[in-house]
Amino acid sequence: MRVVRKLFLLITVLGALVSGKEAQAQLFSPGCDWVGTTQYQYVAPELQDPIFIFFSWLDNPGLGNLRAQFSDSTHATYLWRKYDPAQRQFNIIQGQTDSLLINLERGGYRVEVTVGDSTEIYTAWVMIDDVEIDRLAVWNNNCERLTLALFSKPNNFYEVNSNYFTYYNYYTPIHAPLTVLGPRGYFGDY
């Protein structure tokens, strides 16, 4: 009986967490492999933007996608923009007026979701992690166990450390570049 109660409690808590997350998410990314949050310095936690990372392989390239909705899910109009680091601004993406934006390259995206005279603005960063399978190793191969370890590496290490995981703090006048990777780079501890 205890197991049933614990299982029921676990399912209830997980259901509340999942439904709460979906109810509050106004800009999300179906199919992303990892989600993080920007770390804009001196910016309140509620103003931080989501970071969506997609894994990609040379033989199966992946691209990102974003979906937006108005806070109460009312039918809305959408104006999408992409961040241009050279101009330090979000430029309109011509012809994109649907709630779903697909086949996205790396970069920052902003959407203005309008219902009547109310507009909500959401920003997110899409990152694509290009990796290749390096090798598959067999460890502890005996009658009792078999351990397999898959090793991957970035396709272009320099590009990964310098560009692939960069986003920009548009809250500052200079739009300072930041990285998801931290000071130790691609293979650092997170």
C-alpha atoms as a PDB file:
ATOM      1  CA  MET A   1       0.000   0.000   0.000  1.00  0.00           C
ATOM      2  CA  ARG A   2       2.867   2.408   0.785  1.00  0.00           C
ATOM      3  CA  VAL A   3       4.301   1.866  -2.665  1.00  0.00           C
ATOM      4  CA  VAL A   4       0.960   2.722  -4.276  1.00  0.00           C
ATOM      5  CA  ARG A   5       0.667   5.940  -2.222  1.00  0.00           C
ATOM      6  CA  LYS A   6       4.238   6.962  -3.030  1.00  0.00           C
ATOM      7  CA  LEU A   7       3.703   6.229  -6.701  1.00  0.00           C
ATOM      8  CA  PHE A   8       0.448   8.230  -6.703  1.00  0.00           C
ATOM      9  CA  LEU A   9       2.195  11.151  -4.957  1.00  0.00           C
ATOM     10  CA  LEU A  10       5.076  11.036  -7.428  1.00  0.00           C
ATOM     11  CA  ILE A  11       2.722  11.001 -10.425  1.00  0.00           C
ATOM     12  CA  THR A  12       0.674  13.858  -8.943  1.00  0.00           C
ATOM     13  CA  VAL A  13       3.754  16.009  -8.291  1.00  0.00           C
ATOM     14  CA  LEU A  14       5.228  15.310 -11.726  1.00  0.00           C
ATOM     15  CA  GLY A  15       1.889  16.067 -13.373  1.00  0.00           C
ATOM     16  CA  ALA A  16       1.664  19.389 -11.552  1.00  0.00           C
ATOM     17  CA  LEU A  17       5.200  20.300 -12.532  1.00  0.00           C
ATOM     18  CA  VAL A  18       4.699  19.413 -16.185  1.00  0.00           C
ATOM     19  CA  SER A  19       1.327  21.106 -16.529  1.00  0.00           C
ATOM     20  CA  GLY A  20       2.578  24.180 -14.667  1.00  0.00           C
ATOM     21  CA  LYS A  21       5.555  24.466 -16.968  1.00  0.00           C
ATOM     22  CA  GLU A  22       3.404  24.200 -20.081  1.00  0.00           C
ATOM     23  CA  ALA A  23       0.855  26.696 -18.775  1.00  0.00           C
ATOM     24  CA  GLN A  24       3.489  29.354 -18.152  1.00  0.00           C
ATOM     25  CA  ALA A  25       5.621  28.812 -21.250  1.00  0.00           C
ATOM     26  CA  GLN A  26       4.686  31.356 -23.913  1.00  0.00           C
ATOM     27  CA  LEU A  27       7.705  30.679 -26.130  1.00  0.00           C
ATOM     28  CA  PHE A  28       8.880  27.100 -26.283  1.00  0.00           C
ATOM     29  CA  SER A  29      10.735  24.758 -28.597  1.00  0.00           C
ATOM     30  CA  PRO A  30       9.186  21.439 -29.596  1.00  0.00           C
ATOM     31  CA  GLY A  31      11.843  18.795 -30.088  1.00  0.00           C
ATOM     32  CA  CYS A  32      14.783  20.575 -28.484  1.00  0.00           C
ATOM     33  CA  ASP A  33      17.373  18.376 -26.770  1.00  0.00           C
ATOM     34  CA  TRP A  34      18.349  20.668 -23.898  1.00  0.00           C
ATOM     35  CA  VAL A  35      16.940  23.838 -22.322  1.00  0.00           C
ATOM     36  CA  GLY A  36      18.838  26.420 -20.312  1.00  0.00           C
ATOM     37  CA  THR A  37      18.480  30.040 -19.320  1.00  0.00           C
ATOM     38  CA  THR A  38      20.546  33.089 -20.166  1.00  0.00           C
ATOM     39  CA  GLN A  39      22.739  34.577 -17.473  1.00  0.00           C
ATOM     40  CA  TYR A  40      22.422  38.282 -18.231  1.00  0.00           C
ATOM     41  CA  GLN A  41      24.314  40.114 -15.515  1.00  0.00           C
ATOM     42  CA  TYR A  42      22.288  42.472 -13.291  1.00  0.00           C
ATOM     43  CA  VAL A  43      19.021  41.367 -14.936  1.00  0.00           C
ATOM     44  CA  ALA A  44      16.165  39.966 -12.851  1.00  0.00           C
ATOM     45  CA  PRO A  45      15.536  36.203 -13.100  1.00  0.00           C
ATOM     46  CA  GLU A  46      12.105  36.702 -14.670  1.00  0.00           C
ATOM     47  CA  LEU A  47      13.722  38.681 -17.521  1.00  0.00           C
ATOM     48  CA  GLN A  48      16.212  35.945 -18.425  1.00  0.00           C
ATOM     49  CA  ASP A  49      15.530  34.243 -21.767  1.00  0.00           C
ATOM     50  CA  PRO A  50      15.335  30.529 -22.581  1.00  0.00           C
ATOM     51  CA  ILE A  51      18.150  28.844 -24.496  1.00  0.00           C
ATOM     52  CA  PHE A  52      17.135  25.880 -26.651  1.00  0.00           C
ATOM     53  CA  ILE A  53      19.875  23.516 -27.843  1.00  0.00           C
ATOM     54  CA  PHE A  54      19.429  20.981 -30.636  1.00  0.00           C
ATOM     55  CA  PHE A  55      21.903  18.160 -31.298  1.00  0.00           C
ATOM     56  CA  SER A  56      22.982  17.737 -34.900  1.00  0.00           C
ATOM     57  CA  TRP A  57      25.140  15.238 -36.770  1.00  0.00           C
ATOM     58  CA  LEU A  58      26.792  15.557 -40.175  1.00  0.00           C
ATOM     59  CA  ASP A  59      24.685  12.725 -41.611  1.00  0.00           C
ATOM     60  CA  ASN A  60      21.499  14.033 -39.966  1.00  0.00           C
ATOM     61  CA  PRO A  61      21.706  17.820 -39.629  1.00  0.00           C
ATOM     62  CA  GLY A  62      19.314  19.329 -37.145  1.00  0.00           C
ATOM     63  CA  LEU A  63      17.718  22.746 -37.101  1.00  0.00           C
ATOM     64  CA  GLY A  64      15.748  24.475 -34.402  1.00  0.00           C
ATOM     65  CA  ASN A  65      12.120  25.491 -34.107  1.00  0.00           C
ATOM     66  CA  LEU A  66      10.131  27.809 -31.860  1.00  0.00           C
ATOM     67  CA  ARG A  67       6.446  28.062 -31.033  1.00  0.00           C
ATOM     68  CA  ALA A  68       4.796  31.095 -29.428  1.00  0.00           C
ATOM     69  CA  GLN A  69       1.385  31.780 -27.966  1.00  0.00           C
ATOM     70  CA  PHE A  70      -0.398  34.627 -26.220  1.00  0.00           C
ATOM     71  CA  SER A  71      -0.437  34.287 -22.417  1.00  0.00           C
ATOM     72  CA  ASP A  72      -4.078  33.171 -22.319  1.00  0.00           C
ATOM     73  CA  SER A  73      -3.787  31.126 -25.563  1.00  0.00           C
ATOM     74  CA  THR A  74      -6.059  33.532 -27.462  1.00  0.00           C
ATOM     75  CA  HIS A  75      -5.734  33.505 -31.264  1.00  0.00           C
ATOM     76  CA  ALA A  76      -3.030  36.071 -32.066  1.00  0.00           C
ATOM     77  CA  THR A  77      -0.844  37.571 -34.781  1.00  0.00           C
ATOM     78  CA  TYR A  78       2.907  37.020 -34.759  1.00  0.00           C
ATOM     79  CA  LEU A  79       5.843  39.174 -35.828  1.00  0.00           C
ATOM     80  CA  TRP A  80       9.145  37.265 -35.707  1.00  0.00           C
ATOM     81  CA  ARG A  81      12.599  38.838 -35.575  1.00  0.00           C
ATOM     82  CA  LYS A  82      16.163  37.445 -35.681  1.00  0.00           C
ATOM     83  CA  TYR A  83      19.074  38.969 -33.797  1.00  0.00           C
ATOM     84  CA  ASP A  84      21.863  40.512 -35.911  1.00  0.00           C
ATOM     85  CA  PRO A  85      25.028  40.880 -33.785  1.00  0.00           C
ATOM     86  CA  ALA A  86      26.640  43.259 -36.301  1.00  0.00           C
ATOM     87  CA  GLN A  87      23.732  45.714 -36.076  1.00  0.00           C
ATOM     88  CA  ARG A  88      22.952  44.873 -32.411  1.00  0.00           C
ATOM     89  CA  GLN A  89      19.247  44.587 -33.101  1.00  0.00           C
ATOM     90  CA  PHE A  90      16.448  42.158 -33.892  1.00  0.00           C
ATOM     91  CA  ASN A  91      15.441  42.408 -37.569  1.00  0.00           C
ATOM     92  CA  ILE A  92      12.049  41.342 -38.938  1.00  0.00           C
ATOM     93  CA  ILE A  93      11.930  37.922 -40.612  1.00  0.00           C
ATOM     94  CA  GLN A  94       9.880  38.557 -43.741  1.00  0.00           C
ATOM     95  CA  GLY A  95       6.922  36.285 -44.445  1.00  0.00           C
ATOM     96  CA  GLN A  96       6.850  34.618 -41.019  1.00  0.00           C
ATOM     97  CA  THR A  97       3.465  35.237 -39.406  1.00  0.00           C
ATOM     98  CA  ASP A  98       2.592  31.831 -37.943  1.00  0.00           C
ATOM     99  CA  SER A  99       2.952  30.782 -34.295  1.00  0.00           C
ATOM    100  CA  LEU A 100       5.541  28.163 -35.334  1.00  0.00           C
ATOM    101  CA  LEU A 101       8.937  29.132 -36.728  1.00  0.00           C
ATOM    102  CA  ILE A 102      10.840  26.139 -38.176  1.00  0.00           C
ATOM    103  CA  ASN A 103      14.250  25.243 -39.647  1.00  0.00           C
ATOM    104  CA  LEU A 104      16.082  27.811 -37.546  1.00  0.00           C
ATOM    105  CA  GLU A 105      19.795  28.385 -37.590  1.00  0.00           C
ATOM    106  CA  ARG A 106      21.779  29.412 -34.525  1.00  0.00           C
ATOM    107  CA  GLY A 107      20.895  32.787 -33.087  1.00  0.00           C
ATOM    108  CA  GLY A 108      18.514  34.927 -31.124  1.00  0.00           C
ATOM    109  CA  TYR A 109      14.835  35.121 -32.009  1.00  0.00           C
ATOM    110  CA  ARG A 110      12.144  37.473 -30.773  1.00  0.00           C
ATOM    111  CA  VAL A 111       8.418  37.318 -31.354  1.00  0.00           C
ATOM    112  CA  GLU A 112       5.776  39.972 -30.816  1.00  0.00           C
ATOM    113  CA  VAL A 113       2.466  38.243 -30.074  1.00  0.00           C
ATOM    114  CA  THR A 114      -0.505  40.588 -30.531  1.00  0.00           C
ATOM    115  CA  VAL A 115      -4.170  40.238 -29.615  1.00  0.00           C
ATOM    116  CA  GLY A 116      -6.210  43.404 -30.173  1.00  0.00           C
ATOM    117  CA  ASP A 117      -4.235  46.256 -28.610  1.00  0.00           C
ATOM    118  CA  SER A 118      -2.163  43.976 -26.317  1.00  0.00           C
ATOM    119  CA  THR A 119       1.320  42.859 -27.364  1.00  0.00           C
ATOM    120  CA  GLU A 120       3.562  40.405 -25.539  1.00  0.00           C
ATOM    121  CA  ILE A 121       7.236  40.114 -26.505  1.00  0.00           C
ATOM    122  CA  TYR A 122       9.289  36.959 -26.003  1.00  0.00           C
ATOM    123  CA  THR A 123      12.946  36.276 -26.796  1.00  0.00           C
ATOM    124  CA  ALA A 124      14.852  32.980 -27.024  1.00  0.00           C
ATOM    125  CA  TRP A 125      18.236  31.747 -28.208  1.00  0.00           C
ATOM    126  CA  VAL A 126      18.562  28.716 -30.484  1.00  0.00           C
ATOM    127  CA  MET A 127      21.830  26.801 -30.506  1.00  0.00           C
ATOM    128  CA  ILE A 128      22.822  23.799 -32.571  1.00  0.00           C
ATOM    129  CA  ASP A 129      25.442  21.421 -31.181  1.00  0.00           C
ATOM    130  CA  ASP A 130      27.207  19.793 -34.144  1.00  0.00           C
ATOM    131  CA  VAL A 131      28.769  16.586 -32.858  1.00  0.00           C
ATOM    132  CA  GLU A 132      30.245  13.468 -34.371  1.00  0.00           C
ATOM    133  CA  ILE A 133      30.547  10.017 -32.853  1.00  0.00           C
ATOM    134  CA  ASP A 134      34.218   9.483 -32.022  1.00  0.00           C
ATOM    135  CA  ARG A 135      34.178   5.894 -30.802  1.00  0.00           C
ATOM    136  CA  LEU A 136      32.320   3.235 -28.877  1.00  0.00           C
ATOM    137  CA  ALA A 137      34.323   1.576 -26.109  1.00  0.00           C
ATOM    138  CA  VAL A 138      33.623  -1.669 -24.285  1.00  0.00           C
ATOM    139  CA  TRP A 139      34.507  -1.778 -20.579  1.00  0.00           C
ATOM    140  CA  ASN A 140      34.049  -4.462 -17.940  1.00  0.00           C
ATOM    141  CA  ASN A 141      33.259  -7.132 -20.478  1.00  0.00           C
ATOM    142  CA  ASN A 142      32.769 -10.254 -18.369  1.00  0.00           C
ATOM    143  CA  CYS A 143      30.064 -12.759 -17.533  1.00  0.00           C
ATOM    144  CA  GLU A 144      28.404 -10.411 -15.054  1.00  0.00           C
ATOM    145  CA  ARG A 145      28.310  -7.133 -16.888  1.00  0.00           C
ATOM    146  CA  LEU A 146      29.044  -5.237 -20.051  1.00  0.00           C
ATOM    147  CA  THR A 147      29.614  -1.503 -20.046  1.00  0.00           C
ATOM    148  CA  LEU A 148      29.488   0.494 -23.262  1.00  0.00           C
ATOM    149  CA  ALA A 149      30.711   4.076 -23.446  1.00  0.00           C
ATOM    150  CA  LEU A 150      29.921   6.331 -26.386  1.00  0.00           C
ATOM    151  CA  PHE A 151      32.365   9.174 -27.005  1.00  0.00           C
ATOM    152  CA  SER A 152      31.444  12.181 -29.109  1.00  0.00           C
ATOM    153  CA  LYS A 153      33.263  15.358 -30.009  1.00  0.00           C
ATOM    154  CA  PRO A 154      32.415  18.652 -31.675  1.00  0.00           C
ATOM    155  CA  ASN A 155      32.895  18.734 -35.441  1.00  0.00           C
ATOM    156  CA  ASN A 156      34.956  21.912 -35.271  1.00  0.00           C
ATOM    157  CA  PHE A 157      36.323  22.556 -31.780  1.00  0.00           C
ATOM    158  CA  TYR A 158      37.405  26.174 -32.399  1.00  0.00           C
ATOM    159  CA  GLU A 159      34.029  27.164 -33.819  1.00  0.00           C
ATOM    160  CA  VAL A 160      32.201  25.442 -30.980  1.00  0.00           C
ATOM    161  CA  ASN A 161      34.112  27.268 -28.271  1.00  0.00           C
ATOM    162  CA  SER A 162      33.956  30.674 -29.930  1.00  0.00           C
ATOM    163  CA  ASN A 163      30.642  30.890 -31.784  1.00  0.00           C
ATOM    164  CA  TYR A 164      28.236  27.988 -31.443  1.00  0.00           C
ATOM    165  CA  PHE A 165      27.040  28.777 -27.926  1.00  0.00           C
ATOM    166  CA  THR A 166      27.171  32.567 -27.940  1.00  0.00           C
ATOM    167  CA  TYR A 167      24.247  34.809 -27.078  1.00  0.00           C
ATOM    168  CA  TYR A 168      24.134  38.565 -26.539  1.00  0.00           C
ATOM    169  CA  ASN A 169      23.050  40.644 -23.561  1.00  0.00           C
ATOM    170  CA  TYR A 170      20.765  43.120 -25.299  1.00  0.00           C
ATOM    171  CA  TYR A 171      20.056  44.788 -21.940  1.00  0.00           C
ATOM    172  CA  THR A 172      23.459  46.517 -22.163  1.00  0.00           C
ATOM    173  CA  PRO A 173      24.367  49.268 -24.651  1.00  0.00           C
ATOM    174  CA  ILE A 174      27.182  47.199 -26.179  1.00  0.00           C
ATOM    175  CA  HIS A 175      25.178  43.932 -26.341  1.00  0.00           C
ATOM    176  CA  ALA A 176      28.038  42.007 -24.724  1.00  0.00           C
ATOM    177  CA  PRO A 177      28.525  38.463 -26.037  1.00  0.00           C
ATOM    178  CA  LEU A 178      28.079  35.685 -23.471  1.00  0.00           C
ATOM    179  CA  THR A 179      28.448  31.923 -23.720  1.00  0.00           C
ATOM    180  CA  VAL A 180      26.554  28.968 -22.363  1.00  0.00           C
ATOM    181  CA  LEU A 181      29.779  26.996 -22.019  1.00  0.00           C
ATOM    182  CA  GLY A 182      31.386  28.731 -19.062  1.00  0.00           C
ATOM    183  CA  PRO A 183      35.107  29.414 -18.568  1.00  0.00           C
ATOM    184  CA  ARG A 184      36.263  25.825 -19.168  1.00  0.00           C
ATOM    185  CA  GLY A 185      34.780  25.580 -22.640  1.00  0.00           C
ATOM    186  CA  TYR A 186      33.021  22.708 -24.372  1.00  0.00           C
ATOM    187  CA  PHE A 187      34.385  19.949 -22.155  1.00  0.00           C
ATOM    188  CA  GLY A 188      34.000  21.813 -18.840  1.00  0.00           C
ATOM    189  CA  ASP A 189      31.945  20.641 -15.888  1.00  0.00           C
ATOM    190  CA  TYR A 190      28.379  21.922 -15.685  1.00  0.00           C
END
